[in-house]
Structure formats: C-alpha cells, structure tokens
Amino acid sequence: MLTQVLFQASEGPQNGSFCVNGQGNGQLGNQQPQESDDEKLDKLVKKSQEVLLKIHTVFPFDLFTDELVVDENKITFIYRDFPGAERVHIIMVKNITDVIVDTNPFFATLKIVDQGYKENIVGMEFLRRTDAFEAQKIIQGLVVIDKQPDKDRADLTKMKTEEVIEKIEEVGDSTR
C-alpha cells in the first residue's frame, strides 16, 4: 500500500507542515533557517573582538612587559624585547592540546601545547600566579567547548561577555 503525502494547501510547504493519508499536521524534521554567509562572518568578527582576558608580565622582572590576550577563537602572545619592537604569536583554540601552569613562590609560567607549531610549546614567564591560573581555566574551557560537536556547542555570541567568562571558567576549572 502506498502512503500518500500531501502538503496542506492552507499551510503550504514553506513552513514544513504536511498530512499523511489526510491525517495530522506533522513537521518535516527540525528545519531552521540557514545562516547567511554575512551572519556567519559577523559572528566570527564579534567572537574575535570580544577580549575574554588580557594579562601581562610583571615589571621589572620583565623589563618590556609581554602580554597575553584571549578571545573565543585564539590566544595571542605579544613579546616585547625592546621599545617599539614586538613579536606576536597567535594560537588558534582548535590547535591547543594542553595548557600548563608552572609556579614558584612568586610567579608563574603559562605554557600552551600547540599541535600546529613546530616547536610545540609556547609560553610566557613572570606572570602573576592568579593571572596564570585564571588564563589556564579560560583557555582550557575554550578548548573543551571547541571540542564539542557543532550541534552541542553553545553559541557564545548570544551571551554577555561576563556570562561567557564565568561559564568558560566553570568548564575549564572542572577539567582539573
């Protein structure tokens, strides 16, 4: 026996409702409007402009203070060796395999293992201990979120920055 599928004239196929054998008002799956390329690009720009954390090394132990900037997509290391001269190293969150904090009684060193970098470990010394541990929680949280399947991944662009930081720190802290 053949099952007849007819779209209701009053509803039309545009919203996905249908009748089977003249019965019911079902849905054609979970149809959500597709995001346009402009919307996707706007989200990416917003994610890259929202700084989640910015820390720097301690002067005078590092005469020209280095800086670490964290956003949802990448971690930026800015090394300064001389006034007006800087070296910038960017690590994409998707390439991070581990985040390590080494401490001594006064300072901490943050190290990130980058699977896409030949030398593999990128680090920054002479950070305040609290700053290094906060960076570790946020970065590790971003890594965990990034590893989620697309269908389960939260859209952080819809949340306020403070809420995003709080949730990411919770996720990152639970990985310890």
Protein backbone atom coordinates (compact mmCIF):
# COMPACT_ATOMS: atom_id res chain seq x y z
CA MET A 1 0.00 0.00 0.00
CA LEU A 2 1.37 3.40 -0.93
CA THR A 3 1.39 6.19 1.61
CA GLN A 4 0.27 9.46 0.14
CA VAL A 5 1.98 12.61 1.35
CA LEU A 6 0.12 15.80 0.54
CA PHE A 7 1.06 19.28 1.62
CA GLN A 8 -1.85 21.15 3.14
CA ALA A 9 -2.94 24.00 0.93
CA SER A 10 -3.61 26.28 3.88
CA GLU A 11 -0.21 25.74 5.45
CA GLY A 12 1.85 25.19 2.33
CA PRO A 13 5.26 23.57 2.15
CA GLN A 14 7.08 26.75 3.15
CA ASN A 15 6.70 26.03 6.88
CA GLY A 16 7.15 22.28 6.59
CA SER A 17 3.68 21.04 7.65
CA PHE A 18 2.16 18.08 5.87
CA CYS A 19 -0.61 15.44 6.01
CA VAL A 20 -0.16 11.70 5.66
CA ASN A 21 -3.28 9.92 4.30
CA GLY A 22 -5.23 13.08 5.07
CA GLN A 23 -4.36 12.79 8.77
CA GLY A 24 -2.33 15.00 11.10
CA ASN A 25 -0.21 18.09 10.82
CA GLY A 26 3.38 16.84 11.08
CA GLN A 27 6.69 18.61 10.62
CA LEU A 28 9.37 17.89 8.06
CA GLY A 29 12.20 17.44 10.55
CA ASN A 30 13.79 20.22 12.52
CA GLN A 31 14.04 22.87 9.85
CA GLN A 32 15.70 26.05 11.00
CA PRO A 33 16.56 28.87 8.66
CA GLN A 34 20.14 28.65 7.42
CA GLU A 35 22.52 31.39 8.48
CA SER A 36 23.72 33.52 5.62
CA ASP A 37 27.43 33.93 4.98
CA ASP A 38 27.20 37.54 6.19
CA GLU A 39 25.69 36.40 9.52
CA LYS A 40 28.38 33.75 9.95
CA LEU A 41 31.11 36.29 9.23
CA ASP A 42 29.54 38.83 11.62
CA LYS A 43 29.56 36.19 14.39
CA LEU A 44 33.21 35.40 13.71
CA VAL A 45 34.14 39.09 13.85
CA LYS A 46 32.23 39.53 17.11
CA LYS A 47 33.93 36.48 18.64
CA SER A 48 37.36 37.80 17.67
CA GLN A 49 36.74 41.29 19.02
CA GLU A 50 35.48 40.22 22.44
CA VAL A 51 38.55 40.01 24.67
CA LEU A 52 37.92 37.49 27.44
CA LEU A 53 41.22 38.03 29.24
CA LYS A 54 44.25 40.29 28.90
CA ILE A 55 47.21 39.79 31.23
CA HIS A 56 50.82 40.94 31.20
CA THR A 57 54.12 40.02 32.77
CA VAL A 58 55.40 41.71 35.91
CA PHE A 59 57.71 44.70 35.59
CA PRO A 60 60.70 44.95 36.46
CA PHE A 61 61.30 41.19 36.16
CA ASP A 62 60.36 41.56 32.51
CA LEU A 63 61.67 44.99 31.56
CA PHE A 64 59.46 45.30 28.46
CA THR A 65 56.25 43.64 29.59
CA ASP A 66 54.83 40.86 27.46
CA GLU A 67 51.10 40.44 27.02
CA LEU A 68 48.65 37.55 26.64
CA VAL A 69 45.25 38.22 25.05
CA VAL A 70 42.49 35.60 24.98
CA ASP A 71 39.39 35.72 22.80
CA GLU A 72 36.95 32.97 21.80
CA ASN A 73 38.93 31.92 18.71
CA LYS A 74 42.57 32.47 19.54
CA ILE A 75 45.27 33.14 22.10
CA THR A 76 47.69 35.95 21.23
CA PHE A 77 51.16 36.13 22.77
CA ILE A 78 52.82 39.53 22.38
CA TYR A 79 56.51 39.50 23.27
CA ARG A 80 58.41 42.78 23.65
CA ASP A 81 62.20 42.74 23.78
CA PHE A 82 62.90 46.38 23.04
CA PRO A 83 60.81 49.60 22.89
CA GLY A 84 58.81 49.63 19.67
CA ALA A 85 59.73 46.04 18.80
CA GLU A 86 57.39 43.15 19.37
CA ARG A 87 56.86 39.59 18.22
CA VAL A 88 53.29 38.27 18.00
CA HIS A 89 52.46 34.56 18.15
CA ILE A 90 48.83 33.51 17.66
CA ILE A 91 47.47 30.08 18.57
CA MET A 92 44.03 29.04 17.41
CA VAL A 93 41.93 27.44 20.17
CA LYS A 94 41.23 24.42 17.94
CA ASN A 95 45.01 23.68 17.82
CA ILE A 96 45.55 23.67 21.60
CA THR A 97 46.14 20.25 23.14
CA ASP A 98 47.17 21.26 26.67
CA VAL A 99 47.54 24.25 28.98
CA ILE A 100 50.23 24.06 31.68
CA VAL A 101 51.00 26.40 34.58
CA ASP A 102 54.36 26.10 36.34
CA THR A 103 54.68 28.06 39.58
CA ASN A 104 57.32 29.17 42.01
CA PRO A 105 56.68 31.08 45.24
CA PHE A 106 56.33 34.42 43.43
CA PHE A 107 55.44 33.94 39.77
CA ALA A 108 54.02 31.51 37.26
CA THR A 109 54.79 30.42 33.72
CA LEU A 110 51.92 29.64 31.37
CA LYS A 111 52.66 27.11 28.63
CA ILE A 112 50.36 26.11 25.79
CA VAL A 113 50.93 22.99 23.70
CA ASP A 114 50.12 23.87 20.09
CA GLN A 115 49.71 20.91 17.76
CA GLY A 116 50.23 23.09 14.70
CA TYR A 117 53.54 24.66 15.79
CA LYS A 118 56.87 23.02 15.03
CA GLU A 119 58.36 23.81 18.44
CA ASN A 120 55.06 22.66 20.01
CA ILE A 121 55.12 24.65 23.30
CA VAL A 122 54.57 28.39 23.55
CA GLY A 123 54.96 30.04 26.94
CA MET A 124 55.13 33.24 28.91
CA GLU A 125 57.11 33.72 32.14
CA PHE A 126 56.83 36.16 35.07
CA LEU A 127 53.05 36.19 35.24
CA ARG A 128 51.20 36.72 38.49
CA ARG A 129 50.13 33.34 39.82
CA THR A 130 46.44 34.31 39.95
CA ASP A 131 46.56 35.62 36.37
CA ALA A 132 48.19 32.43 35.10
CA PHE A 133 45.61 30.18 36.78
CA GLU A 134 42.73 32.32 35.50
CA ALA A 135 44.18 32.16 31.98
CA GLN A 136 44.54 28.40 32.29
CA LYS A 137 40.88 28.00 33.30
CA ILE A 138 39.60 30.20 30.49
CA ILE A 139 41.80 28.67 27.80
CA GLN A 140 41.07 25.11 28.92
CA GLY A 141 37.34 25.94 28.98
CA LEU A 142 37.54 27.28 25.42
CA VAL A 143 39.34 24.11 24.32
CA VAL A 144 36.68 21.88 25.89
CA ILE A 145 33.88 23.90 24.30
CA ASP A 146 35.65 23.86 20.92
CA LYS A 147 35.94 20.05 21.03
CA GLN A 148 32.14 19.69 21.34
CA PRO A 149 30.25 18.60 18.22
CA ASP A 150 28.73 21.55 16.35
CA LYS A 151 25.19 20.54 17.29
CA ASP A 152 26.03 20.58 21.02
CA ARG A 153 28.24 23.68 21.01
CA ALA A 154 26.78 26.76 22.66
CA ASP A 155 26.66 29.99 20.65
CA LEU A 156 28.66 32.27 22.93
CA THR A 157 27.97 35.33 20.76
CA LYS A 158 24.43 35.47 22.16
CA MET A 159 25.66 35.86 25.75
CA LYS A 160 27.15 38.83 27.58
CA THR A 161 30.94 38.75 27.90
CA GLU A 162 30.81 38.48 31.71
CA GLU A 163 28.49 35.45 31.48
CA VAL A 164 30.71 33.86 28.84
CA ILE A 165 33.81 34.25 31.02
CA GLU A 166 32.03 32.82 34.06
CA LYS A 167 30.74 29.76 32.17
CA ILE A 168 34.05 29.15 30.39
CA GLU A 169 35.93 29.31 33.70
CA GLU A 170 33.50 26.76 35.18
CA VAL A 171 34.08 24.41 32.26
CA GLY A 172 37.85 24.97 32.39
CA ASP A 173 38.02 24.51 36.16
CA SER A 174 36.15 21.22 36.01
CA THR A 175 38.91 19.76 33.84
CA ARG A 176 41.48 19.89 36.64
